[in-house]
Amino acid sequence: MPIFCGDVKCEDFNALRSLVYLSVLELEETINPNKIPF
């Protein structure tokens, strides 16, 4: 299901969202390395 992104390309938006998501996961692992990843 495509997402309407206005003037921004959806590919760029999805890539940025994925990058932010991965950064958050890495940050959580740094804060709590014993946490089991989902």
N, C-alpha and C. Protein backbone atom coordinates (compact mmCIF):
# COMPACT_ATOMS: atom_id res chain seq x y z
N MET A 1 0.84 -1.20 0.00
CA MET A 1 0.00 0.00 0.00
C MET A 1 0.88 1.25 0.00
N PRO A 2 0.86 1.98 -1.09
CA PRO A 2 1.72 3.17 -1.21
C PRO A 2 1.28 4.27 -0.25
N ILE A 3 2.23 5.03 0.22
CA ILE A 3 1.94 6.13 1.14
C ILE A 3 2.05 7.45 0.39
N PHE A 4 1.06 8.30 0.56
CA PHE A 4 1.10 9.61 -0.08
C PHE A 4 2.04 10.52 0.70
N CYS A 5 3.07 11.00 0.02
CA CYS A 5 4.12 11.75 0.72
C CYS A 5 4.17 13.22 0.31
N GLY A 6 3.18 13.68 -0.45
CA GLY A 6 3.20 15.08 -0.88
C GLY A 6 4.34 15.33 -1.86
N ASP A 7 5.19 16.32 -1.58
CA ASP A 7 6.28 16.69 -2.47
C ASP A 7 7.50 15.80 -2.31
N VAL A 8 7.51 15.00 -1.24
CA VAL A 8 8.67 14.15 -0.97
C VAL A 8 8.47 12.78 -1.61
N LYS A 9 9.51 12.26 -2.23
CA LYS A 9 9.42 10.93 -2.83
C LYS A 9 9.20 9.89 -1.75
N CYS A 10 8.28 8.97 -2.00
CA CYS A 10 7.98 7.95 -0.99
C CYS A 10 9.19 7.07 -0.73
N GLU A 11 10.01 6.84 -1.75
CA GLU A 11 11.20 6.01 -1.56
C GLU A 11 12.14 6.66 -0.55
N ASP A 12 12.33 7.97 -0.68
CA ASP A 12 13.20 8.69 0.24
C ASP A 12 12.61 8.67 1.65
N PHE A 13 11.29 8.83 1.74
CA PHE A 13 10.63 8.83 3.04
C PHE A 13 10.79 7.48 3.71
N ASN A 14 10.58 6.40 2.96
CA ASN A 14 10.70 5.06 3.52
C ASN A 14 12.12 4.76 3.95
N ALA A 15 13.10 5.21 3.17
CA ALA A 15 14.50 4.99 3.51
C ALA A 15 14.85 5.74 4.80
N LEU A 16 14.37 6.97 4.91
CA LEU A 16 14.65 7.77 6.11
C LEU A 16 13.99 7.14 7.33
N ARG A 17 12.74 6.67 7.15
CA ARG A 17 12.03 6.04 8.26
C ARG A 17 12.76 4.78 8.71
N SER A 18 13.25 3.99 7.74
CA SER A 18 13.97 2.77 8.08
C SER A 18 15.27 3.10 8.82
N LEU A 19 15.95 4.15 8.37
CA LEU A 19 17.21 4.55 9.01
C LEU A 19 16.96 4.98 10.45
N VAL A 20 15.90 5.76 10.67
CA VAL A 20 15.56 6.21 12.02
C VAL A 20 15.21 5.02 12.89
N TYR A 21 14.44 4.07 12.32
CA TYR A 21 14.02 2.89 13.08
C TYR A 21 15.23 2.07 13.52
N LEU A 22 16.17 1.86 12.60
CA LEU A 22 17.38 1.10 12.94
C LEU A 22 18.22 1.85 13.98
N SER A 23 18.27 3.16 13.88
CA SER A 23 19.03 3.95 14.85
C SER A 23 18.43 3.82 16.24
N VAL A 24 17.10 3.80 16.31
CA VAL A 24 16.42 3.64 17.60
C VAL A 24 16.72 2.27 18.19
N LEU A 25 16.72 1.23 17.34
CA LEU A 25 17.02 -0.11 17.83
C LEU A 25 18.45 -0.18 18.37
N GLU A 26 19.39 0.43 17.66
CA GLU A 26 20.78 0.42 18.12
C GLU A 26 20.91 1.19 19.42
N LEU A 27 20.17 2.28 19.55
CA LEU A 27 20.22 3.08 20.77
C LEU A 27 19.68 2.28 21.95
N GLU A 28 18.60 1.54 21.73
CA GLU A 28 18.03 0.72 22.80
C GLU A 28 19.00 -0.38 23.21
N GLU A 29 19.70 -0.96 22.25
CA GLU A 29 20.68 -2.01 22.56
C GLU A 29 21.83 -1.42 23.37
N THR A 30 22.20 -0.18 23.07
CA THR A 30 23.28 0.46 23.81
C THR A 30 22.86 0.74 25.25
N ILE A 31 21.62 1.18 25.41
CA ILE A 31 21.11 1.49 26.75
C ILE A 31 20.89 0.22 27.56
N ASN A 32 20.30 -0.80 26.93
CA ASN A 32 19.98 -2.03 27.65
C ASN A 32 20.39 -3.24 26.80
N PRO A 33 21.67 -3.65 26.85
CA PRO A 33 22.16 -4.75 26.01
C PRO A 33 21.55 -6.10 26.35
N ASN A 34 20.92 -6.23 27.52
CA ASN A 34 20.33 -7.51 27.91
C ASN A 34 18.91 -7.67 27.38
N LYS A 35 18.38 -6.62 26.77
CA LYS A 35 17.02 -6.67 26.23
C LYS A 35 16.96 -7.62 25.05
N ILE A 36 15.92 -8.45 25.01
CA ILE A 36 15.76 -9.38 23.90
C ILE A 36 15.13 -8.64 22.72
N PRO A 37 15.79 -8.62 21.58
CA PRO A 37 15.25 -7.91 20.41
C PRO A 37 14.02 -8.62 19.86
N PHE A 38 13.06 -7.85 19.42
CA PHE A 38 11.86 -8.42 18.81
C PHE A 38 12.07 -8.49 17.31
